[in-house]
């Protein structure tokens, strides 16, 4: 019964951010998105069974190895990854970040994705602390 309820919940959600919940850098970004959000993104931790189902449905690689630091956005039935996901997330935030998202969308991914990959490889060194094991109330409210 629980799986049925879980399935209905994430299949009905439209704007779902899939992020690495064990990464302090990623958690910081998600907390920032919650503060700036104007379109009410839903959240899904890459270590959850929800992520496994969404990854299978949208053909995303499972969060292992180099893909563990990748952020995804599932929006309108399509999955976006890396800078395409970041750009669309920014477009859903308050100004001036919405405009920054539109501008980021104009830059070709062959330029932006290497920068994203460089930051993703070093994200644990950029933020020295460990991710908080307990999500905030705002995060729990948006988890799928």
Foldseek 3Di string as FASTA:
>chain_A
DVVVVLVVVVVPFAKEKEAAQWFQLRLVVVVVLLVFADPQYFYEHLVDVSVVVVCVQAVHDRLDDLNVGKMWIGHPNHIDIFLLRVLVSQCRGDPPSVVVSVVSVVDDCVVVVVVRSVCSVCRCVVDVDTRDPDDDPSNVVRYD
